[in-house]
């Protein structure tokens, strides 16, 4: 199995002090599945990857053989203000997180389009099978009637 890995460094804020809570490698799937929400603070720069960075990112993904390290994400780990759990304010790595999010969304959209095409093809296949069955039944019925009529005209009866 191919693993895309990213180092997630969680920092916990206690008063005016910051302490590293965790410094672990995570798979991209774990990063998105097992985490509370990521928040990118407003002071962070907007998404700015250009074609060059995106092409390099896609090239990296397509050339993975077993495991690939995509860099780090630094987040400040805080208790949620409006409910249970924690939130992670991204300090560094927001471009990587955003790019992976966009990639996952495009994969989802592509999968949904393929699923819809498969459903339509399946419906067409079912309709074609039904049409073929009806045509076969109709032809058998007409041929049988014609044969019966021919036999009847020749005076042949069972």
N, C-alpha and C. Protein backbone atom coordinates (compact mmCIF):
# COMPACT_ATOMS: atom_id res chain seq x y z
N UNK A 1 0.84 -1.17 0.00
CA UNK A 1 0.00 0.00 0.00
C UNK A 1 0.90 1.24 0.00
N UNK A 2 0.53 2.22 -0.81
CA UNK A 2 1.26 3.47 -0.87
C UNK A 2 0.82 4.36 0.28
N UNK A 3 1.77 4.98 0.94
CA UNK A 3 1.43 5.87 2.05
C UNK A 3 2.00 7.25 1.79
N UNK A 4 1.14 8.23 1.83
CA UNK A 4 1.57 9.63 1.78
C UNK A 4 1.63 10.07 3.23
N UNK A 5 2.77 10.54 3.64
CA UNK A 5 2.93 10.90 5.05
C UNK A 5 3.18 12.39 5.19
N UNK A 6 2.77 12.89 6.33
CA UNK A 6 2.97 14.30 6.66
C UNK A 6 3.26 14.35 8.16
N UNK A 7 4.16 15.19 8.56
CA UNK A 7 4.46 15.33 10.00
C UNK A 7 3.54 16.41 10.54
N UNK A 8 2.86 16.07 11.60
CA UNK A 8 1.97 17.02 12.25
C UNK A 8 2.58 17.38 13.59
N UNK A 9 2.89 18.64 13.75
CA UNK A 9 3.46 19.12 15.01
C UNK A 9 2.36 19.91 15.70
N UNK A 10 1.88 19.38 16.81
CA UNK A 10 0.85 20.06 17.59
C UNK A 10 1.50 20.83 18.73
N UNK A 11 1.12 22.07 18.83
CA UNK A 11 1.63 22.93 19.90
C UNK A 11 0.45 23.26 20.79
N UNK A 12 0.65 23.15 22.08
CA UNK A 12 -0.42 23.51 23.02
C UNK A 12 -0.05 24.85 23.65
N UNK A 13 -1.04 25.70 23.73
CA UNK A 13 -0.83 27.04 24.27
C UNK A 13 -1.29 27.04 25.73
N UNK A 14 -0.41 27.40 26.60
CA UNK A 14 -0.76 27.52 28.01
C UNK A 14 -0.31 28.88 28.51
N UNK A 15 -1.25 29.79 28.62
CA UNK A 15 -0.89 31.16 29.00
C UNK A 15 -0.06 31.79 27.90
N UNK A 16 1.12 32.25 28.26
CA UNK A 16 2.02 32.85 27.28
C UNK A 16 3.04 31.85 26.75
N UNK A 17 2.97 30.61 27.21
CA UNK A 17 3.94 29.60 26.81
C UNK A 17 3.37 28.67 25.75
N UNK A 18 4.24 28.18 24.91
CA UNK A 18 3.88 27.17 23.91
C UNK A 18 4.73 25.94 24.17
N UNK A 19 4.14 24.78 24.06
CA UNK A 19 4.88 23.54 24.24
C UNK A 19 4.48 22.58 23.13
N UNK A 20 5.45 21.81 22.65
CA UNK A 20 5.14 20.82 21.61
C UNK A 20 4.41 19.66 22.27
N UNK A 21 3.20 19.44 21.80
CA UNK A 21 2.36 18.37 22.33
C UNK A 21 2.65 17.06 21.63
N UNK A 22 2.85 17.12 20.33
CA UNK A 22 3.12 15.90 19.55
C UNK A 22 3.91 16.28 18.32
N UNK A 23 4.72 15.35 17.88
CA UNK A 23 5.50 15.52 16.66
C UNK A 23 5.51 14.14 16.00
N UNK A 24 4.48 13.85 15.23
CA UNK A 24 4.29 12.51 14.70
C UNK A 24 4.04 12.51 13.21
N UNK A 25 4.44 11.40 12.57
CA UNK A 25 4.10 11.18 11.17
C UNK A 25 2.69 10.64 11.10
N UNK A 26 1.90 11.17 10.18
CA UNK A 26 0.54 10.69 9.95
C UNK A 26 0.35 10.44 8.48
N UNK A 27 -0.51 9.46 8.16
CA UNK A 27 -0.91 9.32 6.76
C UNK A 27 -1.91 10.45 6.48
N UNK A 28 -2.06 10.78 5.23
CA UNK A 28 -2.99 11.85 4.86
C UNK A 28 -4.41 11.46 5.27
N UNK A 29 -4.76 10.19 5.08
CA UNK A 29 -6.09 9.72 5.48
C UNK A 29 -6.32 9.90 6.97
N UNK A 30 -5.34 9.53 7.78
CA UNK A 30 -5.46 9.71 9.23
C UNK A 30 -5.58 11.18 9.59
N UNK A 31 -4.83 11.99 8.88
CA UNK A 31 -4.84 13.42 9.16
C UNK A 31 -6.25 13.99 9.03
N UNK A 32 -6.96 13.56 7.99
CA UNK A 32 -8.31 14.10 7.77
C UNK A 32 -9.39 13.31 8.51
N UNK A 33 -9.19 12.04 8.72
CA UNK A 33 -10.22 11.22 9.37
C UNK A 33 -10.24 11.33 10.88
N UNK A 34 -9.09 11.45 11.48
CA UNK A 34 -9.01 11.33 12.93
C UNK A 34 -8.75 12.64 13.64
N UNK A 35 -8.97 13.73 12.96
CA UNK A 35 -8.64 15.02 13.54
C UNK A 35 -9.90 15.85 13.74
N UNK A 36 -9.83 16.70 14.73
CA UNK A 36 -10.86 17.72 14.89
C UNK A 36 -10.62 18.77 13.82
N UNK A 37 -11.50 19.73 13.70
CA UNK A 37 -11.38 20.70 12.59
C UNK A 37 -10.08 21.48 12.60
N UNK A 38 -9.58 21.70 11.38
CA UNK A 38 -8.45 22.61 11.19
C UNK A 38 -9.03 23.98 10.92
N UNK A 39 -8.41 24.98 11.48
CA UNK A 39 -8.81 26.36 11.22
C UNK A 39 -7.57 27.10 10.73
N UNK A 40 -7.75 27.80 9.64
CA UNK A 40 -6.66 28.62 9.14
C UNK A 40 -6.97 30.05 9.53
N UNK A 41 -6.19 30.60 10.45
CA UNK A 41 -6.46 31.97 10.93
C UNK A 41 -6.46 32.98 9.78
N UNK A 42 -7.22 34.04 9.95
CA UNK A 42 -7.34 35.06 8.91
C UNK A 42 -6.02 35.72 8.57
N UNK A 43 -5.09 35.76 9.51
CA UNK A 43 -3.81 36.42 9.23
C UNK A 43 -2.92 35.59 8.31
N UNK A 44 -3.26 34.31 8.09
CA UNK A 44 -2.47 33.48 7.18
C UNK A 44 -2.70 33.94 5.75
N UNK A 45 -1.71 33.74 4.91
CA UNK A 45 -1.85 34.17 3.51
C UNK A 45 -2.88 33.31 2.79
N UNK A 46 -3.44 33.88 1.75
CA UNK A 46 -4.43 33.15 0.94
C UNK A 46 -3.74 32.04 0.17
N UNK A 47 -4.52 31.13 -0.36
CA UNK A 47 -3.97 30.04 -1.16
C UNK A 47 -3.22 30.63 -2.33
N UNK A 48 -1.95 30.25 -2.48
CA UNK A 48 -1.14 30.93 -3.49
C UNK A 48 -0.35 29.99 -4.38
N UNK A 49 -0.60 28.70 -4.32
CA UNK A 49 0.15 27.81 -5.19
C UNK A 49 -0.22 28.09 -6.63
N UNK A 50 0.79 28.16 -7.45
CA UNK A 50 0.63 28.37 -8.88
C UNK A 50 0.75 27.03 -9.59
N UNK A 51 0.63 27.05 -10.91
CA UNK A 51 0.71 25.81 -11.70
C UNK A 51 1.98 25.02 -11.40
N UNK A 52 3.10 25.70 -11.22
CA UNK A 52 4.37 25.03 -10.99
C UNK A 52 4.33 24.17 -9.71
N UNK A 53 3.82 24.75 -8.62
CA UNK A 53 3.74 24.00 -7.36
C UNK A 53 2.73 22.87 -7.45
N UNK A 54 1.60 23.11 -8.11
CA UNK A 54 0.57 22.08 -8.24
C UNK A 54 1.06 20.94 -9.12
N UNK A 55 1.76 21.26 -10.21
CA UNK A 55 2.31 20.21 -11.07
C UNK A 55 3.36 19.39 -10.32
N UNK A 56 4.19 20.04 -9.52
CA UNK A 56 5.19 19.31 -8.72
C UNK A 56 4.48 18.41 -7.71
N UNK A 57 3.42 18.91 -7.09
CA UNK A 57 2.63 18.13 -6.13
C UNK A 57 2.04 16.90 -6.82
N UNK A 58 1.42 17.10 -7.99
CA UNK A 58 0.82 15.98 -8.73
C UNK A 58 1.88 15.00 -9.20
N UNK A 59 3.02 15.50 -9.61
CA UNK A 59 4.13 14.63 -10.01
C UNK A 59 4.60 13.79 -8.83
N UNK A 60 4.72 14.42 -7.67
CA UNK A 60 5.12 13.69 -6.46
C UNK A 60 4.14 12.56 -6.17
N UNK A 61 2.84 12.86 -6.28
CA UNK A 61 1.83 11.84 -5.99
C UNK A 61 1.90 10.70 -6.99
N UNK A 62 2.06 11.03 -8.27
CA UNK A 62 2.05 9.98 -9.30
C UNK A 62 3.32 9.13 -9.27
N UNK A 63 4.38 9.60 -8.64
CA UNK A 63 5.64 8.85 -8.61
C UNK A 63 5.89 8.14 -7.28
N UNK A 64 4.90 8.11 -6.41
CA UNK A 64 5.07 7.44 -5.12
C UNK A 64 5.14 5.94 -5.34
N UNK A 65 6.13 5.29 -4.72
CA UNK A 65 6.20 3.84 -4.83
C UNK A 65 5.74 3.17 -3.54
N UNK A 66 6.23 3.60 -2.41
CA UNK A 66 5.79 2.99 -1.15
C UNK A 66 5.38 4.05 -0.13
N UNK A 67 6.25 4.98 0.14
CA UNK A 67 5.94 6.02 1.12
C UNK A 67 6.59 7.32 0.67
N UNK A 68 5.89 8.40 0.91
CA UNK A 68 6.40 9.71 0.51
C UNK A 68 6.12 10.71 1.61
N UNK A 69 7.11 11.52 1.91
CA UNK A 69 6.96 12.55 2.94
C UNK A 69 6.61 13.87 2.26
N UNK A 70 5.46 14.43 2.60
CA UNK A 70 4.99 15.67 1.99
C UNK A 70 5.30 16.92 2.79
N UNK A 71 6.01 16.81 3.86
CA UNK A 71 6.36 18.00 4.63
C UNK A 71 5.62 18.03 5.95
N UNK A 72 5.63 19.18 6.57
CA UNK A 72 5.04 19.29 7.90
C UNK A 72 3.87 20.24 7.96
N UNK A 73 3.10 20.05 8.99
CA UNK A 73 2.01 20.96 9.32
C UNK A 73 2.18 21.29 10.80
N UNK A 74 2.20 22.56 11.11
CA UNK A 74 2.31 22.99 12.50
C UNK A 74 0.97 23.60 12.88
N UNK A 75 0.42 23.13 13.99
CA UNK A 75 -0.87 23.67 14.43
C UNK A 75 -0.84 23.94 15.92
N UNK A 76 -1.61 24.94 16.32
CA UNK A 76 -1.79 25.23 17.74
C UNK A 76 -3.07 24.53 18.16
N UNK A 77 -2.94 23.70 19.15
CA UNK A 77 -3.97 22.81 19.65
C UNK A 77 -4.72 23.55 20.76
N UNK A 78 -6.04 23.77 20.56
CA UNK A 78 -6.81 24.52 21.56
C UNK A 78 -8.13 23.82 21.82
N UNK A 79 -8.67 24.06 23.01
CA UNK A 79 -10.01 23.57 23.29
C UNK A 79 -11.01 24.38 22.47
N UNK A 80 -12.04 23.70 22.01
CA UNK A 80 -13.08 24.39 21.24
C UNK A 80 -13.85 25.32 22.17
N UNK A 81 -14.15 26.51 21.68
CA UNK A 81 -14.88 27.48 22.50
C UNK A 81 -16.38 27.23 22.51
N UNK A 82 -16.88 26.57 21.47
CA UNK A 82 -18.33 26.40 21.36
C UNK A 82 -18.79 24.95 21.41
N UNK A 83 -18.02 24.08 21.98
CA UNK A 83 -18.45 22.69 22.09
C UNK A 83 -17.31 21.81 22.56
N UNK A 84 -17.59 20.52 22.69
CA UNK A 84 -16.55 19.60 23.14
C UNK A 84 -15.51 19.39 22.04
N UNK A 85 -14.35 18.95 22.43
CA UNK A 85 -13.31 18.65 21.46
C UNK A 85 -12.28 19.75 21.36
N UNK A 86 -11.46 19.60 20.36
CA UNK A 86 -10.36 20.54 20.17
C UNK A 86 -10.40 21.07 18.74
N UNK A 87 -9.72 22.16 18.55
CA UNK A 87 -9.52 22.70 17.21
C UNK A 87 -8.02 22.86 17.00
N UNK A 88 -7.63 22.88 15.76
CA UNK A 88 -6.23 23.00 15.41
C UNK A 88 -6.05 24.21 14.51
N UNK A 89 -5.44 25.25 15.04
CA UNK A 89 -5.18 26.45 14.25
C UNK A 89 -3.86 26.24 13.51
N UNK A 90 -3.94 26.25 12.20
CA UNK A 90 -2.76 25.98 11.37
C UNK A 90 -1.82 27.18 11.43
N UNK A 91 -0.57 26.90 11.78
CA UNK A 91 0.46 27.92 11.83
C UNK A 91 1.32 27.83 10.57
N UNK A 92 1.58 26.61 10.14
CA UNK A 92 2.37 26.38 8.93
C UNK A 92 1.86 25.12 8.25
N UNK A 93 1.85 25.13 6.92
CA UNK A 93 1.41 23.96 6.17
C UNK A 93 0.02 24.11 5.57
N UNK A 94 -0.54 25.32 5.66
CA UNK A 94 -1.91 25.51 5.17
C UNK A 94 -2.01 25.28 3.66
N UNK A 95 -0.94 25.56 2.91
CA UNK A 95 -0.99 25.35 1.46
C UNK A 95 -1.09 23.85 1.16
N UNK A 96 -0.34 23.03 1.91
CA UNK A 96 -0.41 21.57 1.73
C UNK A 96 -1.79 21.04 2.11
N UNK A 97 -2.30 21.49 3.26
CA UNK A 97 -3.63 21.05 3.70
C UNK A 97 -4.68 21.43 2.67
N UNK A 98 -4.61 22.67 2.18
CA UNK A 98 -5.59 23.14 1.19
C UNK A 98 -5.47 22.35 -0.10
N UNK A 99 -4.25 22.05 -0.54
CA UNK A 99 -4.07 21.31 -1.79
C UNK A 99 -4.58 19.88 -1.65
N UNK A 100 -4.29 19.23 -0.52
CA UNK A 100 -4.84 17.89 -0.30
C UNK A 100 -6.36 17.92 -0.25
N UNK A 101 -6.92 18.94 0.37
CA UNK A 101 -8.38 19.07 0.44
C UNK A 101 -8.96 19.22 -0.96
N UNK A 102 -8.34 20.06 -1.79
CA UNK A 102 -8.80 20.22 -3.17
C UNK A 102 -8.66 18.92 -3.97
N UNK A 103 -7.56 18.22 -3.75
CA UNK A 103 -7.35 16.94 -4.44
C UNK A 103 -8.43 15.93 -4.05
N UNK A 104 -8.68 15.81 -2.76
CA UNK A 104 -9.69 14.87 -2.27
C UNK A 104 -11.07 15.25 -2.82
N UNK A 105 -11.38 16.54 -2.87
CA UNK A 105 -12.67 16.98 -3.43
C UNK A 105 -12.77 16.62 -4.90
N UNK A 106 -11.69 16.79 -5.66
CA UNK A 106 -11.72 16.43 -7.08
C UNK A 106 -11.85 14.92 -7.27
N UNK A 107 -11.18 14.14 -6.44
CA UNK A 107 -11.32 12.68 -6.50
C UNK A 107 -12.76 12.27 -6.21
N UNK A 108 -13.35 12.89 -5.19
CA UNK A 108 -14.76 12.62 -4.87
C UNK A 108 -15.67 12.97 -6.03
N UNK A 109 -15.45 14.15 -6.63
CA UNK A 109 -16.28 14.58 -7.76
C UNK A 109 -16.12 13.63 -8.95
N UNK A 110 -14.88 13.22 -9.23
CA UNK A 110 -14.63 12.28 -10.32
C UNK A 110 -15.29 10.94 -10.05
N UNK A 111 -15.20 10.46 -8.82
CA UNK A 111 -15.85 9.20 -8.46
C UNK A 111 -17.36 9.31 -8.64
N UNK A 112 -17.94 10.42 -8.20
CA UNK A 112 -19.39 10.61 -8.35
C UNK A 112 -19.79 10.63 -9.82
N UNK A 113 -18.98 11.30 -10.68
CA UNK A 113 -19.29 11.32 -12.12
C UNK A 113 -19.20 9.91 -12.71
N UNK A 114 -18.17 9.17 -12.34
CA UNK A 114 -18.02 7.80 -12.85
C UNK A 114 -19.16 6.91 -12.35
N UNK A 115 -19.55 7.09 -11.09
CA UNK A 115 -20.67 6.31 -10.55
C UNK A 115 -21.95 6.60 -11.31
N UNK A 116 -22.18 7.86 -11.64
CA UNK A 116 -23.38 8.24 -12.38
C UNK A 116 -23.35 7.65 -13.79
N UNK A 117 -22.18 7.70 -14.44
CA UNK A 117 -22.06 7.10 -15.78
C UNK A 117 -22.31 5.60 -15.71
N UNK A 118 -21.78 4.95 -14.70
CA UNK A 118 -21.98 3.50 -14.55
C UNK A 118 -23.45 3.20 -14.32
N UNK A 119 -24.12 4.03 -13.53
CA UNK A 119 -25.55 3.82 -13.27
C UNK A 119 -26.35 3.96 -14.57
N UNK A 120 -26.03 5.00 -15.34
CA UNK A 120 -26.73 5.22 -16.61
C UNK A 120 -26.46 4.06 -17.57
N UNK A 121 -25.20 3.62 -17.64
CA UNK A 121 -24.88 2.48 -18.51
C UNK A 121 -25.62 1.23 -18.07
N UNK A 122 -25.69 1.03 -16.77
CA UNK A 122 -26.41 -0.14 -16.25
C UNK A 122 -27.89 -0.05 -16.61
N UNK A 123 -28.47 1.14 -16.47
CA UNK A 123 -29.87 1.31 -16.85
C UNK A 123 -30.07 1.03 -18.34
N UNK A 124 -29.15 1.53 -19.18
CA UNK A 124 -29.25 1.29 -20.62
C UNK A 124 -29.10 -0.20 -20.92
N UNK A 125 -28.21 -0.87 -20.21
CA UNK A 125 -28.03 -2.31 -20.41
C UNK A 125 -29.30 -3.05 -20.05
N UNK A 126 -29.92 -2.69 -18.92
CA UNK A 126 -31.17 -3.34 -18.51
C UNK A 126 -32.25 -3.08 -19.56
N UNK A 127 -32.35 -1.83 -20.03
CA UNK A 127 -33.36 -1.48 -21.03
C UNK A 127 -33.10 -2.26 -22.32
N UNK A 128 -31.83 -2.36 -22.74
CA UNK A 128 -31.51 -3.12 -23.96
C UNK A 128 -31.87 -4.59 -23.80
N UNK A 129 -31.59 -5.14 -22.63
CA UNK A 129 -31.96 -6.55 -22.40
C UNK A 129 -33.47 -6.72 -22.46
N UNK A 130 -34.20 -5.77 -21.87
CA UNK A 130 -35.66 -5.84 -21.92
C UNK A 130 -36.16 -5.70 -23.35
N UNK A 131 -35.57 -4.77 -24.11
CA UNK A 131 -35.97 -4.60 -25.50
C UNK A 131 -35.67 -5.85 -26.31
N UNK A 132 -34.51 -6.43 -26.08
CA UNK A 132 -34.13 -7.65 -26.79
C UNK A 132 -35.10 -8.79 -26.47
N UNK A 133 -35.45 -8.91 -25.19
CA UNK A 133 -36.40 -9.95 -24.78
C UNK A 133 -37.77 -9.73 -25.43
N UNK A 134 -38.23 -8.47 -25.41
CA UNK A 134 -39.52 -8.17 -26.02
C UNK A 134 -39.50 -8.44 -27.52
N UNK A 135 -38.41 -8.06 -28.19
CA UNK A 135 -38.30 -8.29 -29.62
C UNK A 135 -38.28 -9.79 -29.91
N UNK A 136 -37.52 -10.53 -29.14
CA UNK A 136 -37.46 -11.99 -29.33
C UNK A 136 -38.83 -12.61 -29.12
N UNK A 137 -39.50 -12.21 -28.05
CA UNK A 137 -40.84 -12.72 -27.76
C UNK A 137 -41.80 -12.36 -28.87
N UNK A 138 -41.74 -11.13 -29.34
CA UNK A 138 -42.61 -10.66 -30.41
C UNK A 138 -42.36 -11.46 -31.70
N UNK A 139 -41.07 -11.64 -32.04
CA UNK A 139 -40.75 -12.40 -33.25
C UNK A 139 -41.21 -13.85 -33.14
N UNK A 140 -41.01 -14.46 -32.00
CA UNK A 140 -41.47 -15.84 -31.81
C UNK A 140 -42.98 -15.91 -31.95
N UNK A 141 -43.67 -14.95 -31.38
CA UNK A 141 -45.13 -14.92 -31.44
C UNK A 141 -45.61 -14.76 -32.89
N UNK A 142 -45.00 -13.80 -33.62
CA UNK A 142 -45.41 -13.58 -35.01
C UNK A 142 -45.09 -14.80 -35.85
N UNK A 143 -43.90 -15.36 -35.68
CA UNK A 143 -43.54 -16.55 -36.47
C UNK A 143 -44.46 -17.70 -36.16
N UNK A 144 -44.81 -17.86 -34.91
CA UNK A 144 -45.70 -18.94 -34.51
C UNK A 144 -47.08 -18.74 -35.15
N UNK A 145 -47.55 -17.49 -35.13
CA UNK A 145 -48.85 -17.20 -35.73
C UNK A 145 -48.79 -17.46 -37.23
N UNK A 146 -47.73 -17.03 -37.90
CA UNK A 146 -47.60 -17.25 -39.33
C UNK A 146 -47.54 -18.74 -39.64
N UNK A 147 -46.81 -19.48 -38.84
CA UNK A 147 -46.72 -20.93 -39.05
C UNK A 147 -48.10 -21.56 -38.84
N UNK A 148 -48.79 -21.14 -37.76
CA UNK A 148 -50.14 -21.67 -37.52
C UNK A 148 -51.07 -21.33 -38.68
N UNK A 149 -50.99 -20.09 -39.18
CA UNK A 149 -51.85 -19.69 -40.29
C UNK A 149 -51.54 -20.49 -41.54
N UNK A 150 -50.25 -20.71 -41.81
CA UNK A 150 -49.86 -21.50 -42.97
C UNK A 150 -50.41 -22.91 -42.85
N UNK A 151 -50.25 -23.51 -41.67
CA UNK A 151 -50.75 -24.87 -41.44
C UNK A 151 -52.26 -24.89 -41.57
N UNK A 152 -52.91 -23.89 -41.07
CA UNK A 152 -54.37 -23.83 -41.12
C UNK A 152 -54.84 -23.75 -42.59
N UNK A 153 -54.11 -22.91 -43.38
CA UNK A 153 -54.48 -22.75 -44.79
C UNK A 153 -54.27 -24.06 -45.56
N UNK A 154 -53.28 -24.82 -45.17
CA UNK A 154 -53.02 -26.09 -45.83
C UNK A 154 -53.92 -27.21 -45.32
N UNK A 155 -54.76 -26.85 -44.36
CA UNK A 155 -55.68 -27.83 -43.81
C UNK A 155 -55.07 -28.76 -42.79
N UNK A 156 -53.92 -28.40 -42.31
CA UNK A 156 -53.27 -29.23 -41.29
C UNK A 156 -53.75 -28.77 -39.93
N UNK A 157 -54.20 -29.68 -39.12
CA UNK A 157 -54.58 -29.39 -37.75
C UNK A 157 -53.98 -30.42 -36.84
N UNK A 158 -53.80 -30.03 -35.61
CA UNK A 158 -53.23 -30.95 -34.62
C UNK A 158 -54.28 -31.87 -34.08
